[in-house]
Amino acid sequence: MPLTLRLFPQVLAICTLPPETDLPMTDTDFYSITRTPDELSLVLPETDIPPGATSESGWRCFYVEGPLPFDAVGILAGLTAPLAAADISIFSVSSYKTDYLLVRQNDLEKACVTLIDAGYSISEL
């Protein structure tokens, strides 16, 4: 059964801050926060980049319509292999229910064509 991807409308940024930084607040439908011993990593709308963050703007986000079972194998591999073959860089985030795949805004059209050619359907939110 082919998977459906949904495309979030907002343009996102990927940011890093020191690990001891207080968690920033954002009022949006999608953001991701990961704290490690080395950094606080954020994915959030580019309009909400916290002061002092090192960031890279201009990312668009697909999510796999789910929920996906934990024993599902190869979901990300199936998405990333055709994109890698098309020389499209990605950033991925996973949640309890599904996977999220970010591509640069300037690669969005090529990524959509590549994923559709690989058998995925894509719709916008």
N, C-alpha and C. Protein backbone atom coordinates (compact mmCIF):
# COMPACT_ATOMS: atom_id res chain seq x y z
N MET A 1 0.85 -1.19 0.00
CA MET A 1 0.00 0.00 0.00
C MET A 1 0.89 1.24 0.00
N PRO A 2 0.74 2.12 -0.98
CA PRO A 2 1.58 3.31 -1.03
C PRO A 2 1.26 4.26 0.13
N LEU A 3 2.27 4.93 0.59
CA LEU A 3 2.11 5.89 1.68
C LEU A 3 1.76 7.26 1.13
N THR A 4 0.99 8.00 1.91
CA THR A 4 0.64 9.37 1.56
C THR A 4 1.48 10.32 2.39
N LEU A 5 2.02 11.32 1.74
CA LEU A 5 2.78 12.36 2.41
C LEU A 5 1.97 13.65 2.40
N ARG A 6 2.00 14.35 3.51
CA ARG A 6 1.36 15.66 3.61
C ARG A 6 2.45 16.71 3.72
N LEU A 7 2.25 17.82 3.07
CA LEU A 7 3.22 18.91 3.06
C LEU A 7 2.71 20.05 3.93
N PHE A 8 3.48 20.38 4.97
CA PHE A 8 3.13 21.53 5.80
C PHE A 8 3.31 22.82 4.99
N PRO A 9 2.46 23.81 5.22
CA PRO A 9 2.55 25.04 4.42
C PRO A 9 3.69 25.98 4.82
N GLN A 10 4.10 25.95 6.08
CA GLN A 10 5.09 26.93 6.52
C GLN A 10 6.52 26.54 6.15
N VAL A 11 7.35 27.57 6.05
CA VAL A 11 8.78 27.39 5.82
C VAL A 11 9.44 27.31 7.19
N LEU A 12 10.30 26.32 7.36
CA LEU A 12 10.90 26.03 8.66
C LEU A 12 12.38 26.36 8.69
N ALA A 13 12.91 26.41 9.90
CA ALA A 13 14.33 26.56 10.14
C ALA A 13 14.80 25.43 11.05
N ILE A 14 16.04 25.03 10.88
CA ILE A 14 16.69 24.07 11.76
C ILE A 14 17.73 24.86 12.54
N CYS A 15 17.65 24.78 13.87
CA CYS A 15 18.47 25.64 14.73
C CYS A 15 19.21 24.82 15.78
N THR A 16 20.28 25.41 16.28
CA THR A 16 21.00 24.83 17.41
C THR A 16 21.34 25.92 18.41
N LEU A 17 21.25 25.55 19.68
CA LEU A 17 21.60 26.42 20.79
C LEU A 17 22.39 25.60 21.80
N PRO A 18 23.05 26.23 22.75
CA PRO A 18 23.74 25.47 23.78
C PRO A 18 22.75 24.57 24.55
N PRO A 19 23.20 23.43 25.04
CA PRO A 19 22.29 22.46 25.66
C PRO A 19 21.57 22.97 26.91
N GLU A 20 22.15 23.93 27.59
CA GLU A 20 21.53 24.43 28.83
C GLU A 20 20.48 25.52 28.57
N THR A 21 20.26 25.90 27.34
CA THR A 21 19.30 26.94 26.98
C THR A 21 17.89 26.54 27.40
N ASP A 22 17.13 27.50 27.94
CA ASP A 22 15.72 27.25 28.26
C ASP A 22 14.96 26.97 26.97
N LEU A 23 13.96 26.11 27.07
CA LEU A 23 13.17 25.77 25.89
C LEU A 23 12.39 26.98 25.39
N PRO A 24 12.54 27.30 24.12
CA PRO A 24 11.78 28.43 23.56
C PRO A 24 10.33 28.01 23.34
N MET A 25 9.44 28.97 23.34
CA MET A 25 8.03 28.71 23.09
C MET A 25 7.69 29.19 21.68
N THR A 26 6.84 28.43 21.02
CA THR A 26 6.36 28.83 19.70
C THR A 26 4.91 28.41 19.60
N ASP A 27 4.13 29.17 18.88
CA ASP A 27 2.71 28.87 18.71
C ASP A 27 2.48 28.45 17.27
N THR A 28 2.70 27.17 17.00
CA THR A 28 2.59 26.66 15.64
C THR A 28 2.13 25.21 15.69
N ASP A 29 1.67 24.70 14.56
CA ASP A 29 1.22 23.31 14.50
C ASP A 29 2.36 22.31 14.53
N PHE A 30 3.54 22.72 14.10
CA PHE A 30 4.66 21.79 14.07
C PHE A 30 5.94 22.47 14.55
N TYR A 31 6.58 21.82 15.51
CA TYR A 31 7.95 22.15 15.89
C TYR A 31 8.53 20.93 16.58
N SER A 32 9.83 20.85 16.60
CA SER A 32 10.51 19.72 17.22
C SER A 32 11.65 20.25 18.08
N ILE A 33 11.78 19.66 19.26
CA ILE A 33 12.85 20.04 20.18
C ILE A 33 13.57 18.76 20.59
N THR A 34 14.89 18.76 20.44
CA THR A 34 15.71 17.64 20.89
C THR A 34 16.85 18.21 21.71
N ARG A 35 16.95 17.73 22.95
CA ARG A 35 18.06 18.15 23.80
C ARG A 35 19.01 16.97 23.93
N THR A 36 20.29 17.22 23.68
CA THR A 36 21.34 16.22 23.87
C THR A 36 22.39 16.83 24.80
N PRO A 37 23.37 16.05 25.21
CA PRO A 37 24.43 16.64 26.03
C PRO A 37 25.19 17.75 25.30
N ASP A 38 25.12 17.77 23.96
CA ASP A 38 25.89 18.72 23.17
C ASP A 38 25.12 19.92 22.64
N GLU A 39 23.79 19.82 22.59
CA GLU A 39 23.04 20.92 21.97
C GLU A 39 21.56 20.84 22.29
N LEU A 40 20.88 21.94 22.05
CA LEU A 40 19.43 22.00 21.97
C LEU A 40 19.14 22.21 20.49
N SER A 41 18.51 21.25 19.86
CA SER A 41 18.24 21.31 18.43
C SER A 41 16.76 21.59 18.23
N LEU A 42 16.44 22.51 17.35
CA LEU A 42 15.06 22.94 17.12
C LEU A 42 14.72 22.89 15.64
N VAL A 43 13.49 22.52 15.36
CA VAL A 43 12.90 22.70 14.03
C VAL A 43 11.62 23.48 14.29
N LEU A 44 11.52 24.66 13.71
CA LEU A 44 10.38 25.52 13.96
C LEU A 44 10.23 26.51 12.82
N PRO A 45 9.11 27.24 12.76
CA PRO A 45 8.96 28.21 11.68
C PRO A 45 10.12 29.20 11.66
N GLU A 46 10.55 29.55 10.47
CA GLU A 46 11.71 30.44 10.37
C GLU A 46 11.42 31.81 10.96
N THR A 47 10.17 32.14 11.14
CA THR A 47 9.81 33.41 11.79
C THR A 47 10.01 33.36 13.30
N ASP A 48 10.25 32.17 13.86
CA ASP A 48 10.39 32.00 15.31
C ASP A 48 11.80 31.62 15.75
N ILE A 49 12.80 31.87 14.93
CA ILE A 49 14.18 31.52 15.30
C ILE A 49 14.56 32.29 16.57
N PRO A 50 14.99 31.56 17.61
CA PRO A 50 15.34 32.25 18.86
C PRO A 50 16.61 33.10 18.71
N PRO A 51 16.70 34.18 19.46
CA PRO A 51 17.90 35.00 19.44
C PRO A 51 19.13 34.16 19.83
N GLY A 52 20.21 34.37 19.13
CA GLY A 52 21.46 33.69 19.43
C GLY A 52 21.59 32.30 18.84
N ALA A 53 20.56 31.81 18.17
CA ALA A 53 20.61 30.47 17.59
C ALA A 53 21.42 30.48 16.30
N THR A 54 22.16 29.42 16.09
CA THR A 54 22.74 29.16 14.78
C THR A 54 21.65 28.45 14.00
N SER A 55 21.33 28.92 12.82
CA SER A 55 20.18 28.35 12.12
C SER A 55 20.39 28.27 10.62
N GLU A 56 19.61 27.40 10.03
CA GLU A 56 19.53 27.29 8.58
C GLU A 56 18.06 27.34 8.21
N SER A 57 17.68 28.37 7.50
CA SER A 57 16.28 28.58 7.12
C SER A 57 15.99 27.96 5.76
N GLY A 58 14.71 27.98 5.41
CA GLY A 58 14.31 27.57 4.07
C GLY A 58 14.04 26.10 3.90
N TRP A 59 13.44 25.46 4.89
CA TRP A 59 13.13 24.03 4.82
C TRP A 59 11.62 23.84 4.77
N ARG A 60 11.19 22.83 4.02
CA ARG A 60 9.77 22.43 3.95
C ARG A 60 9.63 21.02 4.50
N CYS A 61 8.50 20.72 5.08
CA CYS A 61 8.33 19.47 5.81
C CYS A 61 7.17 18.63 5.25
N PHE A 62 7.50 17.38 4.94
CA PHE A 62 6.50 16.36 4.63
C PHE A 62 6.31 15.50 5.88
N TYR A 63 5.11 15.04 6.10
CA TYR A 63 4.97 13.99 7.11
C TYR A 63 4.23 12.82 6.50
N VAL A 64 4.59 11.64 6.99
CA VAL A 64 3.98 10.41 6.50
C VAL A 64 2.66 10.25 7.21
N GLU A 65 1.59 10.16 6.45
CA GLU A 65 0.27 9.98 7.05
C GLU A 65 0.30 8.69 7.85
N GLY A 66 -0.04 8.75 9.07
CA GLY A 66 0.05 7.59 9.96
C GLY A 66 -1.22 7.45 10.76
N PRO A 67 -1.12 6.78 11.88
CA PRO A 67 0.10 6.40 12.58
C PRO A 67 0.79 5.18 11.95
N LEU A 68 2.10 5.13 12.17
CA LEU A 68 2.90 4.01 11.69
C LEU A 68 3.17 3.06 12.84
N PRO A 69 3.03 1.76 12.62
CA PRO A 69 3.34 0.81 13.69
C PRO A 69 4.85 0.76 13.95
N PHE A 70 5.22 0.48 15.20
CA PHE A 70 6.63 0.44 15.55
C PHE A 70 7.38 -0.68 14.83
N ASP A 71 6.69 -1.71 14.38
CA ASP A 71 7.38 -2.80 13.67
C ASP A 71 7.45 -2.56 12.16
N ALA A 72 7.01 -1.39 11.70
CA ALA A 72 7.15 -1.04 10.27
C ALA A 72 8.64 -0.87 9.97
N VAL A 73 9.07 -1.47 8.88
CA VAL A 73 10.49 -1.47 8.52
C VAL A 73 10.68 -0.73 7.20
N GLY A 74 11.69 0.14 7.15
CA GLY A 74 12.09 0.75 5.89
C GLY A 74 11.33 1.97 5.46
N ILE A 75 10.53 2.56 6.35
CA ILE A 75 9.76 3.75 5.95
C ILE A 75 10.70 4.88 5.53
N LEU A 76 11.63 5.24 6.41
CA LEU A 76 12.56 6.32 6.06
C LEU A 76 13.47 5.94 4.91
N ALA A 77 13.91 4.69 4.88
CA ALA A 77 14.78 4.23 3.78
C ALA A 77 14.06 4.38 2.44
N GLY A 78 12.78 4.03 2.42
CA GLY A 78 12.01 4.15 1.19
C GLY A 78 11.88 5.59 0.72
N LEU A 79 11.81 6.52 1.66
CA LEU A 79 11.72 7.94 1.32
C LEU A 79 13.07 8.53 0.95
N THR A 80 14.09 8.17 1.71
CA THR A 80 15.38 8.82 1.51
C THR A 80 16.18 8.27 0.33
N ALA A 81 16.01 7.01 -0.01
CA ALA A 81 16.79 6.43 -1.11
C ALA A 81 16.54 7.15 -2.43
N PRO A 82 15.28 7.36 -2.86
CA PRO A 82 15.09 8.07 -4.13
C PRO A 82 15.55 9.53 -4.05
N LEU A 83 15.41 10.16 -2.89
CA LEU A 83 15.87 11.54 -2.74
C LEU A 83 17.39 11.61 -2.81
N ALA A 84 18.07 10.65 -2.19
CA ALA A 84 19.54 10.62 -2.27
C ALA A 84 19.98 10.41 -3.71
N ALA A 85 19.29 9.52 -4.43
CA ALA A 85 19.64 9.26 -5.83
C ALA A 85 19.45 10.51 -6.69
N ALA A 86 18.50 11.37 -6.27
CA ALA A 86 18.25 12.63 -6.98
C ALA A 86 19.10 13.77 -6.44
N ASP A 87 20.03 13.46 -5.53
CA ASP A 87 20.96 14.44 -4.95
C ASP A 87 20.22 15.52 -4.16
N ILE A 88 19.20 15.08 -3.39
CA ILE A 88 18.43 15.99 -2.55
C ILE A 88 18.74 15.69 -1.09
N SER A 89 19.26 16.69 -0.40
CA SER A 89 19.59 16.56 1.02
C SER A 89 18.32 16.60 1.86
N ILE A 90 18.32 15.84 2.96
CA ILE A 90 17.15 15.81 3.83
C ILE A 90 17.55 15.99 5.28
N PHE A 91 16.57 16.30 6.10
CA PHE A 91 16.70 16.30 7.56
C PHE A 91 15.45 15.58 8.04
N SER A 92 15.60 14.58 8.90
CA SER A 92 14.44 13.82 9.33
C SER A 92 14.21 13.96 10.83
N VAL A 93 12.94 13.84 11.20
CA VAL A 93 12.50 13.87 12.59
C VAL A 93 11.45 12.77 12.72
N SER A 94 11.52 12.03 13.79
CA SER A 94 10.50 11.02 14.04
C SER A 94 9.75 11.34 15.32
N SER A 95 8.48 10.97 15.34
CA SER A 95 7.67 11.11 16.55
C SER A 95 7.10 9.74 16.90
N TYR A 96 6.32 9.69 17.92
CA TYR A 96 5.72 8.42 18.34
C TYR A 96 4.87 7.82 17.22
N LYS A 97 4.14 8.66 16.49
CA LYS A 97 3.17 8.17 15.51
C LYS A 97 3.65 8.13 14.07
N THR A 98 4.66 8.92 13.71
CA THR A 98 5.03 8.98 12.30
C THR A 98 6.42 9.58 12.10
N ASP A 99 6.79 9.75 10.85
CA ASP A 99 8.07 10.33 10.47
C ASP A 99 7.85 11.63 9.69
N TYR A 100 8.80 12.54 9.85
CA TYR A 100 8.77 13.83 9.18
C TYR A 100 10.05 13.97 8.38
N LEU A 101 9.94 14.48 7.19
CA LEU A 101 11.08 14.60 6.30
C LEU A 101 11.14 16.03 5.78
N LEU A 102 12.25 16.69 6.03
CA LEU A 102 12.43 18.08 5.59
C LEU A 102 13.38 18.12 4.41
N VAL A 103 13.01 18.94 3.43
CA VAL A 103 13.87 19.20 2.28
C VAL A 103 13.98 20.71 2.13
N ARG A 104 15.04 21.15 1.51
CA ARG A 104 15.21 22.59 1.30
C ARG A 104 14.14 23.10 0.33
N GLN A 105 13.68 24.31 0.60
CA GLN A 105 12.65 24.93 -0.23
C GLN A 105 13.03 24.90 -1.71
N ASN A 106 14.31 25.17 -2.03
CA ASN A 106 14.70 25.20 -3.44
C ASN A 106 14.75 23.81 -4.06
N ASP A 107 14.65 22.74 -3.26
CA ASP A 107 14.57 21.37 -3.78
C ASP A 107 13.16 20.80 -3.75
N LEU A 108 12.20 21.60 -3.28
CA LEU A 108 10.85 21.09 -3.05
C LEU A 108 10.20 20.50 -4.30
N GLU A 109 10.23 21.22 -5.40
CA GLU A 109 9.58 20.73 -6.63
C GLU A 109 10.23 19.42 -7.09
N LYS A 110 11.55 19.38 -7.11
CA LYS A 110 12.27 18.18 -7.51
C LYS A 110 11.98 17.03 -6.54
N ALA A 111 11.89 17.32 -5.24
CA ALA A 111 11.58 16.29 -4.25
C ALA A 111 10.19 15.73 -4.46
N CYS A 112 9.22 16.59 -4.75
CA CYS A 112 7.85 16.13 -5.00
C CYS A 112 7.81 15.20 -6.21
N VAL A 113 8.43 15.60 -7.29
CA VAL A 113 8.46 14.76 -8.51
C VAL A 113 9.14 13.43 -8.21
N THR A 114 10.26 13.49 -7.49
CA THR A 114 11.02 12.28 -7.17
C THR A 114 10.18 11.33 -6.31
N LEU A 115 9.51 11.86 -5.30
CA LEU A 115 8.71 11.00 -4.41
C LEU A 115 7.47 10.45 -5.12
N ILE A 116 6.85 11.25 -5.96
CA ILE A 116 5.70 10.75 -6.73
C ILE A 116 6.15 9.65 -7.69
N ASP A 117 7.29 9.86 -8.34
CA ASP A 117 7.83 8.82 -9.23
C ASP A 117 8.17 7.54 -8.47
N ALA A 118 8.47 7.68 -7.17
CA ALA A 118 8.78 6.51 -6.33
C ALA A 118 7.53 5.85 -5.77
N GLY A 119 6.35 6.39 -6.11
CA GLY A 119 5.10 5.73 -5.73
C GLY A 119 4.35 6.37 -4.57
N TYR A 120 4.82 7.50 -4.07
CA TYR A 120 4.14 8.18 -2.97
C TYR A 120 3.12 9.16 -3.52
N SER A 121 2.09 9.41 -2.76
CA SER A 121 1.17 10.51 -3.11
C SER A 121 1.42 11.64 -2.13
N ILE A 122 1.25 12.86 -2.62
CA ILE A 122 1.55 14.05 -1.83
C ILE A 122 0.36 14.98 -1.88
N SER A 123 0.00 15.50 -0.70
CA SER A 123 -1.04 16.53 -0.65
C SER A 123 -0.59 17.59 0.34
N GLU A 124 -1.12 18.79 0.19
CA GLU A 124 -0.80 19.87 1.10
C GLU A 124 -1.84 19.94 2.19
N LEU A 125 -1.42 20.42 3.34
CA LEU A 125 -2.36 20.62 4.45
C LEU A 125 -3.20 21.84 4.20
